[in-house]
Every structure is written in structure tokens, then in C-alpha cells.
Amino acid sequence: MSGKTIFTGNSEQKSTHKSQIHRELNPRPPIKWAGGKSQLIARFKDFFPANFDLYIEPFLGGGAVFFHLLPLNAVLIDNNEELINLYQVIRDDLEKLLSSLEEHQNTAEYFYKIRALNPQQLAKIERASRFLYLNKTAYNGLYRVNKQNKFNVPFGYYQKPRIKDEENLRQVQYALKNAAIILGDFTLALHYAKKAAFVYLDPPYQPLSKTANFTGYTSEGFDEDSQVRLAKLFYQLDKEGCLVMLSNSDTPFIRNLYENYFIDEVFARRSVNSKADKRGAISELLIRNYQER
């Protein structure tokens, strides 16, 4: 572990990683995703590098950081098949997706009928439409699968869920226009790494306790061994000269893994817990191999 400092400019310097057209876009994440970073973007702004030629995000999720930065060149990776298929369809076949979204109904009976479908037996458009529909109508917008990789979140009973947000989806499509969208393990980031690339790592968090272990984005989960594998990737990316930033829980285990790097605390309101009174602001860690600009 190098613990090196890479100077990236100052807060008055304009970012050079996106065009004027991209600066005029204002896309929001098209889905709600547990652990999404929309609420933390304001805190993250001072920590993003000012300049980079390539953006790499191996845990894409809702993509809040990507949609804030709007880089011209990006490699977006996730091991969730439904998620990656959705982004690919938005980028490549948005018109067909919009037509499919028109067909959905906001009723419990219809919801459970769609939930019961096997996504692997659907065409790409229908699969993406199902995923987006479930995300908008399931309880709390949560995406969770069981060990059989079956989506198991109940119906949310929302009065007017925005299943088809056409205006935002068109902006999302434009933002994704030149992005490589790849299904795979987070270690694929190393294949695309190059000096001065900015890599943002937002893995499923290390649980704060044995009863707070939500890692249900995929059937495999994300255990301590996975956290150690991720730390090794962080070190390798550092050696490649990448600008690396990682979010994770504030635990002794995580602090020890990254003790030779820059660590800051940020506070976020957790919304995964089913009990509203346990969704308070909790300290999280922002870990970097470079100083803030």
C-alpha cells in the first residue's frame, strides 16, 4: 500500500472530463437503489478529482455518482444481470422500453404476476421493463433476491408510482451514449485501469452488526472475503496510478483494510431498515488514495 498523494488541482478549477453538452444534462438515477449516493453527492463534491480522462465504476447500482459527473468516457460494471440489462436497453432501445412501460398496471394482482415471471426467459426489452416496473412499485423501491436468485420484495401500494419517467429516461440514455456497460465481477475494473483514470468503488457495505447484513442485490452476497478481495483491487489500482475513491461502513475492519490511505467520515441516512425510527444518520467512510482538490 503506497498511501501516496496525487494532487488534482483546486476547488476553483473547472472539471475537464465532460463536454458543454453534458454539463447541460441533469439526469437522475433511473432506479431507486439501496445504498445509493444521491443524498451524499453534495458532500462528495469536494473529494472528486478535478480532471480525469476515464471514469470506471465497478458497482454501478443506481449510478448517482456517474449521473452527477457525466464523464465523456466511462466503463460501468455490475454483477447484477437485471441492472446491467436495464442500462443497456435504456442506451440502445429506449423507444421500445417506453412502449413496454405503458402496459404495466399498479395493482397487487398484476405486480405478483409480473414478479413471478422468470426474467431469464424474457427478451431484453421485456426483462428491462419488468425490472423497472418492480423497482417503481415494490415496497420502498428495494431490490432484493433470495438464495434462489428470485426477487422477493412485496408490493408497495403506492398511489401514483412514476413507472414511465420519459423525460428523465431520455436524459439517462444520452448520458449512457458512449459508456461501456458490462456485466461482471468488480475485479474487471483492473482490465480497464490506466494512469489518472478515476475509479469509484461503492460495494455492498460491511454490516455494522450481525443483524444488519443486507447484501441482497445478488444471490451470492458480499462477505468479509469479498471485502478483502476489494481491498486488494484498491491497492492494485493505486499501483496503476488510478485515482481511487471508495465508500463503505465505518467499522474497525474497514478502517484496518485501508489504514494507509486518506479516510474521511460522512453521514448518510439509511433507508433499508424496515423500522422508520432506525433510519437515522450513520457515519460512513470515504477512502481515497489522493487528497481532495
Protein backbone atom coordinates (compact mmCIF):
# COMPACT_ATOMS: atom_id res chain seq x y z
CA MET A 1 0.00 0.00 0.00
CA SER A 2 1.54 3.26 -1.09
CA GLY A 3 -0.56 5.84 0.74
CA LYS A 4 0.66 8.29 -1.90
CA THR A 5 -0.79 11.72 -2.55
CA ILE A 6 -1.84 12.68 -6.07
CA PHE A 7 -2.53 16.42 -6.40
CA THR A 8 -5.56 17.00 -8.60
CA GLY A 9 -6.00 20.74 -8.66
CA ASN A 10 -8.11 23.12 -6.57
CA SER A 11 -11.77 23.78 -5.94
CA GLU A 12 -11.81 26.79 -8.32
CA GLN A 13 -10.64 24.71 -11.28
CA LYS A 14 -13.32 23.57 -13.71
CA SER A 15 -13.65 19.86 -14.37
CA THR A 16 -12.47 18.90 -17.87
CA HIS A 17 -13.90 15.40 -18.11
CA LYS A 18 -17.21 16.33 -19.74
CA SER A 19 -18.36 18.43 -22.69
CA GLN A 20 -20.57 21.50 -22.59
CA ILE A 21 -23.49 19.37 -23.82
CA HIS A 22 -23.03 17.00 -20.90
CA ARG A 23 -22.96 19.94 -18.46
CA GLU A 24 -26.44 20.92 -19.66
CA LEU A 25 -27.87 17.50 -18.81
CA ASN A 26 -29.43 16.80 -15.44
CA PRO A 27 -30.31 13.09 -15.36
CA ARG A 28 -31.35 11.37 -12.16
CA PRO A 29 -30.70 7.71 -11.37
CA PRO A 30 -33.49 5.84 -13.21
CA ILE A 31 -33.99 3.45 -10.30
CA LYS A 32 -34.04 3.57 -6.53
CA TRP A 33 -31.17 1.50 -5.12
CA ALA A 34 -30.37 0.65 -1.50
CA GLY A 35 -27.16 2.44 -0.58
CA GLY A 36 -27.49 4.89 -3.48
CA LYS A 37 -25.39 8.02 -3.20
CA SER A 38 -27.80 10.74 -4.33
CA GLN A 39 -28.06 12.16 -0.81
CA LEU A 40 -24.26 12.30 -0.45
CA ILE A 41 -23.34 14.00 -3.72
CA ALA A 42 -23.16 17.40 -2.03
CA ARG A 43 -20.64 16.02 0.49
CA PHE A 44 -18.66 14.19 -2.19
CA LYS A 45 -18.15 17.21 -4.46
CA ASP A 46 -15.01 18.40 -2.70
CA PHE A 47 -13.46 14.94 -2.91
CA PHE A 48 -13.92 14.16 -6.61
CA PRO A 49 -10.76 14.65 -8.70
CA ALA A 50 -10.94 17.75 -10.89
CA ASN A 51 -9.56 16.10 -14.02
CA PHE A 52 -9.59 12.59 -15.42
CA ASP A 53 -9.87 11.02 -18.88
CA LEU A 54 -11.72 7.84 -17.93
CA TYR A 55 -14.31 7.02 -15.28
CA ILE A 56 -14.67 3.43 -14.01
CA GLU A 57 -17.41 2.27 -11.64
CA PRO A 58 -17.44 -1.49 -10.82
CA PHE A 59 -20.51 -1.37 -8.51
CA LEU A 60 -22.86 0.69 -10.66
CA GLY A 61 -26.14 0.31 -8.76
CA GLY A 62 -28.27 3.44 -9.20
CA GLY A 63 -25.30 5.29 -10.70
CA ALA A 64 -25.75 8.54 -8.73
CA VAL A 65 -22.06 9.46 -8.95
CA PHE A 66 -21.89 8.69 -12.67
CA PHE A 67 -25.02 10.76 -13.38
CA HIS A 68 -23.55 13.64 -11.37
CA LEU A 69 -20.13 13.61 -13.03
CA LEU A 70 -21.41 12.77 -16.54
CA PRO A 71 -17.98 11.72 -17.83
CA LEU A 72 -17.40 11.57 -21.58
CA ASN A 73 -15.70 8.18 -21.27
CA ALA A 74 -16.92 5.60 -18.79
CA VAL A 75 -16.75 1.90 -18.02
CA LEU A 76 -19.75 0.85 -15.91
CA ILE A 77 -19.72 -2.61 -14.34
CA ASP A 78 -22.07 -4.57 -12.11
CA ASN A 79 -22.68 -8.27 -11.46
CA ASN A 80 -26.47 -7.85 -11.32
CA GLU A 81 -27.86 -9.13 -14.63
CA GLU A 82 -31.17 -7.28 -14.31
CA LEU A 83 -29.47 -3.98 -13.62
CA ILE A 84 -26.98 -4.22 -16.47
CA ASN A 85 -29.68 -5.32 -18.91
CA LEU A 86 -31.77 -2.28 -17.94
CA TYR A 87 -28.94 0.17 -18.59
CA GLN A 88 -28.09 -1.49 -21.90
CA VAL A 89 -31.72 -1.33 -23.03
CA ILE A 90 -32.06 2.33 -21.99
CA ARG A 91 -28.95 3.13 -24.02
CA ASP A 92 -29.79 1.01 -27.08
CA ASP A 93 -33.60 0.52 -27.25
CA LEU A 94 -35.29 3.25 -25.26
CA GLU A 95 -38.29 3.69 -27.57
CA LYS A 96 -39.26 0.02 -27.25
CA LEU A 97 -38.78 0.18 -23.49
CA LEU A 98 -41.05 3.24 -23.21
CA SER A 99 -43.75 1.42 -25.16
CA SER A 100 -43.49 -1.61 -22.90
CA LEU A 101 -43.71 0.51 -19.74
CA GLU A 102 -47.10 1.81 -20.91
CA GLU A 103 -48.57 -1.67 -20.46
CA HIS A 104 -47.98 -2.02 -16.72
CA GLN A 105 -50.69 -1.77 -14.05
CA ASN A 106 -50.39 -0.58 -10.47
CA THR A 107 -52.31 -3.37 -8.75
CA ALA A 108 -51.17 -6.06 -6.33
CA GLU A 109 -52.55 -8.86 -8.50
CA TYR A 110 -50.65 -7.63 -11.56
CA PHE A 111 -47.49 -6.94 -9.50
CA TYR A 112 -47.25 -10.51 -8.20
CA LYS A 113 -47.95 -11.87 -11.67
CA ILE A 114 -45.02 -9.88 -13.09
CA ARG A 115 -42.82 -10.67 -10.09
CA ALA A 116 -43.37 -14.40 -10.64
CA LEU A 117 -42.00 -14.29 -14.19
CA ASN A 118 -38.55 -15.76 -14.79
CA PRO A 119 -36.53 -12.82 -16.19
CA GLN A 120 -34.10 -15.15 -17.94
CA GLN A 121 -36.97 -16.39 -20.10
CA LEU A 122 -37.84 -12.86 -21.26
CA ALA A 123 -36.48 -10.87 -24.19
CA LYS A 124 -34.18 -7.96 -23.27
CA ILE A 125 -36.88 -5.27 -23.61
CA GLU A 126 -39.47 -7.15 -21.53
CA ARG A 127 -36.83 -8.03 -18.97
CA ALA A 128 -35.80 -4.40 -18.55
CA SER A 129 -39.44 -3.29 -18.42
CA ARG A 130 -40.21 -5.83 -15.69
CA PHE A 131 -37.19 -4.77 -13.64
CA LEU A 132 -38.03 -1.07 -13.84
CA TYR A 133 -41.71 -1.71 -13.07
CA LEU A 134 -40.87 -3.77 -9.98
CA ASN A 135 -38.39 -1.12 -8.82
CA LYS A 136 -41.06 1.60 -9.02
CA THR A 137 -43.88 -0.38 -7.40
CA ALA A 138 -42.19 -2.70 -4.88
CA TYR A 139 -42.06 -1.74 -1.22
CA ASN A 140 -39.56 1.05 -0.56
CA GLY A 141 -38.10 0.65 -4.06
CA LEU A 142 -35.95 -2.13 -2.68
CA TYR A 143 -34.20 -4.67 -4.90
CA ARG A 144 -33.57 -7.93 -3.05
CA VAL A 145 -33.29 -11.54 -4.13
CA ASN A 146 -33.25 -14.76 -2.14
CA LYS A 147 -30.71 -17.59 -2.41
CA GLN A 148 -32.60 -18.91 -5.44
CA ASN A 149 -31.99 -15.51 -7.08
CA LYS A 150 -35.72 -14.73 -7.06
CA PHE A 151 -36.94 -11.19 -6.44
CA ASN A 152 -38.93 -11.30 -3.19
CA VAL A 153 -39.90 -7.74 -2.24
CA PRO A 154 -43.67 -7.25 -1.65
CA PHE A 155 -45.99 -4.81 -3.43
CA GLY A 156 -45.60 -1.22 -2.22
CA TYR A 157 -49.20 0.01 -2.55
CA TYR A 158 -48.12 3.44 -3.86
CA GLN A 159 -50.92 5.61 -5.20
CA LYS A 160 -49.17 7.03 -8.28
CA PRO A 161 -45.76 5.46 -8.85
CA ARG A 162 -43.86 7.03 -11.74
CA ILE A 163 -43.35 3.88 -13.76
CA LYS A 164 -42.61 5.71 -17.01
CA ASP A 165 -40.46 8.81 -16.42
CA GLU A 166 -39.85 9.52 -20.09
CA GLU A 167 -38.12 12.88 -19.71
CA ASN A 168 -35.53 11.53 -17.29
CA LEU A 169 -35.03 8.28 -19.20
CA ARG A 170 -34.16 10.27 -22.33
CA GLN A 171 -31.51 12.18 -20.40
CA VAL A 172 -30.21 8.93 -18.94
CA GLN A 173 -29.98 7.48 -22.45
CA TYR A 174 -27.89 10.42 -23.63
CA ALA A 175 -25.61 10.18 -20.61
CA LEU A 176 -25.03 6.48 -21.34
CA LYS A 177 -24.47 7.02 -25.06
CA ASN A 178 -20.72 6.42 -25.04
CA ALA A 179 -20.47 4.28 -21.91
CA ALA A 180 -19.31 0.67 -21.90
CA ILE A 181 -21.90 -1.20 -19.79
CA ILE A 182 -20.52 -4.55 -18.66
CA LEU A 183 -21.87 -7.49 -16.65
CA GLY A 184 -19.18 -8.95 -14.42
CA ASP A 185 -17.20 -9.06 -11.19
CA PHE A 186 -15.77 -5.84 -9.77
CA THR A 187 -12.23 -7.05 -10.49
CA LEU A 188 -12.89 -6.33 -14.19
CA ALA A 189 -12.03 -2.73 -13.31
CA LEU A 190 -8.36 -3.67 -13.43
CA HIS A 191 -8.64 -4.64 -17.11
CA TYR A 192 -9.62 -1.07 -17.99
CA ALA A 193 -7.42 0.74 -15.48
CA LYS A 194 -4.91 3.29 -16.70
CA LYS A 195 -2.95 6.12 -15.15
CA ALA A 196 -5.12 9.02 -13.95
CA ALA A 197 -8.38 7.15 -14.53
CA PHE A 198 -10.90 7.84 -11.75
CA VAL A 199 -12.30 4.67 -10.17
CA TYR A 200 -15.21 4.94 -7.74
CA LEU A 201 -15.94 1.84 -5.64
CA ASP A 202 -19.31 1.60 -3.89
CA PRO A 203 -19.66 -2.05 -2.77
CA PRO A 204 -22.33 -3.59 -0.57
CA TYR A 205 -21.29 -2.27 2.83
CA GLN A 206 -19.64 -4.21 5.61
CA PRO A 207 -22.51 -4.90 8.09
CA LEU A 208 -22.46 -2.78 11.24
CA SER A 209 -23.80 -5.78 13.17
CA LYS A 210 -24.77 -9.40 12.60
CA THR A 211 -28.42 -8.38 12.23
CA ALA A 212 -27.73 -5.54 9.77
CA ASN A 213 -26.40 -7.63 6.93
CA PHE A 214 -28.33 -6.50 3.87
CA THR A 215 -26.27 -7.56 0.83
CA GLY A 216 -29.17 -8.94 -1.18
CA TYR A 217 -28.50 -7.33 -4.55
CA THR A 218 -27.44 -10.76 -5.87
CA SER A 219 -27.83 -14.28 -4.52
CA GLU A 220 -24.09 -14.52 -3.77
CA GLY A 221 -24.00 -11.69 -1.21
CA PHE A 222 -20.83 -9.83 -0.20
CA ASP A 223 -18.93 -11.20 2.80
CA GLU A 224 -15.63 -10.35 4.53
CA ASP A 225 -13.64 -12.34 1.99
CA SER A 226 -15.21 -10.18 -0.72
CA GLN A 227 -14.21 -7.05 1.21
CA VAL A 228 -10.62 -8.31 1.35
CA ARG A 229 -10.68 -9.01 -2.41
CA LEU A 230 -11.93 -5.49 -2.93
CA ALA A 231 -9.14 -4.02 -0.80
CA LYS A 232 -6.59 -5.90 -2.93
CA LEU A 233 -8.17 -4.38 -6.04
CA PHE A 234 -7.90 -0.93 -4.44
CA TYR A 235 -4.16 -1.48 -3.86
CA GLN A 236 -3.66 -2.72 -7.44
CA LEU A 237 -5.49 0.26 -8.91
CA ASP A 238 -3.37 2.53 -6.74
CA LYS A 239 -0.20 0.97 -8.15
CA GLU A 240 -1.55 1.51 -11.68
CA GLY A 241 -1.71 5.24 -10.97
CA CYS A 242 -5.51 5.45 -10.84
CA LEU A 243 -7.36 7.96 -8.69
CA VAL A 244 -9.39 5.67 -6.41
CA MET A 245 -12.27 6.55 -4.11
CA LEU A 246 -14.27 4.04 -2.05
CA SER A 247 -17.36 4.24 0.17
CA ASN A 248 -18.01 1.76 2.97
CA SER A 249 -19.20 1.32 6.53
CA ASP A 250 -17.36 2.92 9.41
CA THR A 251 -16.13 -0.26 11.10
CA PRO A 252 -12.75 -1.26 12.58
CA PHE A 253 -12.48 -3.98 9.92
CA ILE A 254 -12.79 -1.49 7.04
CA ARG A 255 -10.55 1.09 8.70
CA ASN A 256 -7.86 -1.55 9.13
CA LEU A 257 -8.04 -2.62 5.48
CA TYR A 258 -7.39 0.93 4.28
CA GLU A 259 -5.32 2.34 7.14
CA ASN A 260 -2.59 3.70 4.82
CA TYR A 261 -4.96 5.82 2.77
CA PHE A 262 -6.91 9.05 3.30
CA ILE A 263 -10.08 8.35 5.31
CA ASP A 264 -12.91 10.82 5.91
CA GLU A 265 -16.24 10.38 7.67
CA VAL A 266 -19.51 11.34 6.03
CA PHE A 267 -23.02 10.93 7.40
CA ALA A 268 -25.89 9.35 5.50
CA ARG A 269 -29.45 8.44 6.38
CA ARG A 270 -30.00 4.71 5.95
CA SER A 271 -33.40 3.78 4.46
CA VAL A 272 -33.12 -0.03 4.19
CA ASN A 273 -34.28 -0.75 7.71
CA SER A 274 -37.99 -1.66 7.84
CA LYS A 275 -38.39 0.39 11.03
CA ALA A 276 -38.52 4.12 10.36
CA ASP A 277 -37.03 5.02 13.75
CA LYS A 278 -33.84 3.13 12.83
CA ARG A 279 -33.17 5.07 9.64
CA GLY A 280 -31.09 7.80 11.25
CA ALA A 281 -27.84 9.38 10.07
CA ILE A 282 -24.93 6.98 10.36
CA SER A 283 -21.21 7.58 9.87
CA GLU A 284 -19.77 6.13 6.66
CA LEU A 285 -16.22 6.17 5.35
CA LEU A 286 -14.90 7.85 2.23
CA ILE A 287 -11.49 6.40 1.41
CA ARG A 288 -9.08 7.80 -1.21
CA ASN A 289 -5.53 7.37 -2.47
CA TYR A 290 -5.35 11.09 -3.33
CA GLN A 291 -6.01 14.34 -1.49
CA GLU A 292 -9.17 16.33 -2.08
CA ARG A 293 -8.70 19.05 -4.66
